[in-house]
Amino acid sequence: MLMVILEYAVGVGLSKAGAAIGAGIAAVGAGIGIGRIGANAMDAIARQPQETGNIRSNMILAAALVEGVALLAVVVCLLSFFI
């Protein structure tokens, strides 16, 4: 798989291959980050059930911020791919 990517990179330039790899890494990083946010929120709700509303709202806010940064990273990678 890596050899195919490297052969393709020689044909189109390393910057475009780097942009594609960067977009993939940004998406995977966002998925891992949101998963950790959800897991830690569930742990916090299990410890303090009375604070469920506050924990849930903070979890949604943090997940939205992580997703926004990931979307920005993907857009930058796609712009560098096409320009």
C-alpha atoms as a PDB file:
ATOM      1  CA  MET A   1       0.000   0.000   0.000  1.00  0.00           C
ATOM      2  CA  LEU A   2       2.764   2.411   0.912  1.00  0.00           C
ATOM      3  CA  MET A   3       4.584   1.606  -2.303  1.00  0.00           C
ATOM      4  CA  VAL A   4       1.477   2.440  -4.328  1.00  0.00           C
ATOM      5  CA  ILE A   5       1.156   5.752  -2.515  1.00  0.00           C
ATOM      6  CA  LEU A   6       4.813   6.566  -3.097  1.00  0.00           C
ATOM      7  CA  GLU A   7       4.596   5.653  -6.799  1.00  0.00           C
ATOM      8  CA  TYR A   8       1.554   7.887  -7.113  1.00  0.00           C
ATOM      9  CA  ALA A   9       3.363  10.650  -5.224  1.00  0.00           C
ATOM     10  CA  VAL A  10       6.187  10.668  -7.751  1.00  0.00           C
ATOM     11  CA  GLY A  11       3.676  11.189 -10.556  1.00  0.00           C
ATOM     12  CA  VAL A  12       1.679  14.054  -9.055  1.00  0.00           C
ATOM     13  CA  GLY A  13       4.174  15.617  -6.709  1.00  0.00           C
ATOM     14  CA  LEU A  14       4.833  15.147  -3.059  1.00  0.00           C
ATOM     15  CA  SER A  15       2.753  18.126  -2.026  1.00  0.00           C
ATOM     16  CA  LYS A  16      -0.454  16.592  -3.345  1.00  0.00           C
ATOM     17  CA  ALA A  17       0.279  13.244  -1.750  1.00  0.00           C
ATOM     18  CA  GLY A  18       1.072  15.045   1.491  1.00  0.00           C
ATOM     19  CA  ALA A  19      -2.229  16.887   1.292  1.00  0.00           C
ATOM     20  CA  ALA A  20      -4.126  13.643   0.886  1.00  0.00           C
ATOM     21  CA  ILE A  21      -2.291  12.002   3.762  1.00  0.00           C
ATOM     22  CA  GLY A  22      -2.812  15.106   5.901  1.00  0.00           C
ATOM     23  CA  ALA A  23      -6.556  15.057   5.275  1.00  0.00           C
ATOM     24  CA  GLY A  24      -6.690  11.416   6.309  1.00  0.00           C
ATOM     25  CA  ILE A  25      -4.686  12.020   9.463  1.00  0.00           C
ATOM     26  CA  ALA A  26      -6.928  14.973  10.385  1.00  0.00           C
ATOM     27  CA  ALA A  27     -10.049  12.826  10.017  1.00  0.00           C
ATOM     28  CA  VAL A  28      -8.601   9.951  12.041  1.00  0.00           C
ATOM     29  CA  GLY A  29      -7.366  12.335  14.735  1.00  0.00           C
ATOM     30  CA  ALA A  30     -10.802  13.911  15.053  1.00  0.00           C
ATOM     31  CA  GLY A  31     -12.423  10.501  15.379  1.00  0.00           C
ATOM     32  CA  ILE A  32     -10.023   9.456  18.116  1.00  0.00           C
ATOM     33  CA  GLY A  33     -10.467  12.766  19.932  1.00  0.00           C
ATOM     34  CA  ILE A  34     -14.262  12.667  19.868  1.00  0.00           C
ATOM     35  CA  GLY A  35     -14.208   9.045  21.023  1.00  0.00           C
ATOM     36  CA  ARG A  36     -12.055   9.975  23.994  1.00  0.00           C
ATOM     37  CA  ILE A  37     -14.340  12.910  24.822  1.00  0.00           C
ATOM     38  CA  GLY A  38     -17.363  10.604  24.804  1.00  0.00           C
ATOM     39  CA  ALA A  39     -15.647   7.942  26.906  1.00  0.00           C
ATOM     40  CA  ASN A  40     -14.503  10.430  29.523  1.00  0.00           C
ATOM     41  CA  ALA A  41     -17.949  12.039  29.617  1.00  0.00           C
ATOM     42  CA  MET A  42     -19.560   8.660  30.259  1.00  0.00           C
ATOM     43  CA  ASP A  43     -17.091   8.035  33.083  1.00  0.00           C
ATOM     44  CA  ALA A  44     -17.896  11.427  34.590  1.00  0.00           C
ATOM     45  CA  ILE A  45     -21.651  10.819  34.329  1.00  0.00           C
ATOM     46  CA  ALA A  46     -21.207   7.432  36.017  1.00  0.00           C
ATOM     47  CA  ARG A  47     -19.365   9.096  38.900  1.00  0.00           C
ATOM     48  CA  GLN A  48     -21.746  12.058  39.284  1.00  0.00           C
ATOM     49  CA  PRO A  49     -25.181  11.336  37.815  1.00  0.00           C
ATOM     50  CA  GLN A  50     -26.625  14.590  39.142  1.00  0.00           C
ATOM     51  CA  GLU A  51     -24.315  16.583  36.816  1.00  0.00           C
ATOM     52  CA  THR A  52     -25.465  14.842  33.636  1.00  0.00           C
ATOM     53  CA  GLY A  53     -26.762  18.024  31.982  1.00  0.00           C
ATOM     54  CA  ASN A  54     -23.579  20.014  32.522  1.00  0.00           C
ATOM     55  CA  ILE A  55     -21.319  17.165  31.454  1.00  0.00           C
ATOM     56  CA  ARG A  56     -23.356  16.469  28.322  1.00  0.00           C
ATOM     57  CA  SER A  57     -23.386  20.112  27.236  1.00  0.00           C
ATOM     58  CA  ASN A  58     -19.632  20.429  27.776  1.00  0.00           C
ATOM     59  CA  MET A  59     -19.086  17.190  25.856  1.00  0.00           C
ATOM     60  CA  ILE A  60     -21.096  18.432  22.882  1.00  0.00           C
ATOM     61  CA  LEU A  61     -19.242  21.742  22.886  1.00  0.00           C
ATOM     62  CA  ALA A  62     -15.838  20.044  23.015  1.00  0.00           C
ATOM     63  CA  ALA A  63     -16.809  17.597  20.249  1.00  0.00           C
ATOM     64  CA  ALA A  64     -17.995  20.471  18.062  1.00  0.00           C
ATOM     65  CA  LEU A  65     -14.713  22.323  18.544  1.00  0.00           C
ATOM     66  CA  VAL A  66     -12.681  19.215  17.681  1.00  0.00           C
ATOM     67  CA  GLU A  67     -14.815  18.594  14.604  1.00  0.00           C
ATOM     68  CA  GLY A  68     -14.414  22.220  13.527  1.00  0.00           C
ATOM     69  CA  VAL A  69     -10.629  22.023  13.737  1.00  0.00           C
ATOM     70  CA  ALA A  70     -10.661  18.728  11.813  1.00  0.00           C
ATOM     71  CA  LEU A  71     -12.856  20.238   9.109  1.00  0.00           C
ATOM     72  CA  LEU A  72     -10.501  23.201   8.826  1.00  0.00           C
ATOM     73  CA  ALA A  73      -7.534  20.836   8.481  1.00  0.00           C
ATOM     74  CA  VAL A  74      -9.284  18.847   5.750  1.00  0.00           C
ATOM     75  CA  VAL A  75     -10.190  22.035   3.873  1.00  0.00           C
ATOM     76  CA  VAL A  76      -6.593  23.281   4.040  1.00  0.00           C
ATOM     77  CA  CYS A  77      -5.345  19.929   2.771  1.00  0.00           C
ATOM     78  CA  LEU A  78      -7.843  19.921  -0.071  1.00  0.00           C
ATOM     79  CA  LEU A  79      -6.946  23.481  -1.010  1.00  0.00           C
ATOM     80  CA  SER A  80      -3.282  22.577  -1.144  1.00  0.00           C
ATOM     81  CA  PHE A  81      -4.203  19.532  -3.217  1.00  0.00           C
ATOM     82  CA  PHE A  82      -6.109  21.482  -5.867  1.00  0.00           C
ATOM     83  CA  ILE A  83      -4.037  24.684  -5.926  1.00  0.00           C
END
